[in-house]
Amino acid sequence: MKARCFSFFILSFLVLAGLSGFPREGAGWAVVNGLGQEEIEVISLQSLAEDPAPHLGKTYRISGSLKNKGRNYFTDLRLVLEDAECNFVYVRPWLPLEYPPPPPGRPDLKKAGLSFYLEKEVELTATVERGSLKVVGEVTYLSVKSAKILDKNTSL
């Protein structure tokens, strides 16, 4: 009897802590790989652009070319992720547009700002949200958690 209660206690703890692999309420059906890391569902830009409503609040991996639809990088930035068929979704900038130079006598760390990702094929891990973006207004956009450049000839 004690072993059964202890097992129930441990399983309850793991479920509450989110460590069991069982889906938690509001978490969706997460797929866990062999390393215990959650795998994020992949979605096409076309399906997201055509009907974004059912995807709001969910996190996906999504690929495309990161572009500025605005006229100027600093004053009219309209960042989008676009596919080959010109389907696109707005992207909220997740990095500074540029970094200031290092103080005198300090090494330059050469951090990759947002411009490093522009006009490149990228894979974003992002949450689909709806809200107001500067310059664009009320839109559905991607709130980026991480970005990976897919171009083979580019490295950080």
Foldseek 3Di string as FASTA:
>chain_A
DVVVVVVVVVVVVCVVVVQPQDDDVPRPNWDADPVRDTDFAADELVVCLVDVVVQAFGKHKYKAAWAAPFDDVPPQGFIWGAHPVGRIATAAADFDQDDDADDPPDDGPPDDGPVLRHRFIKIFTWGWHWAQDPNPGTGTYTYGPDMDTPDPPDDD
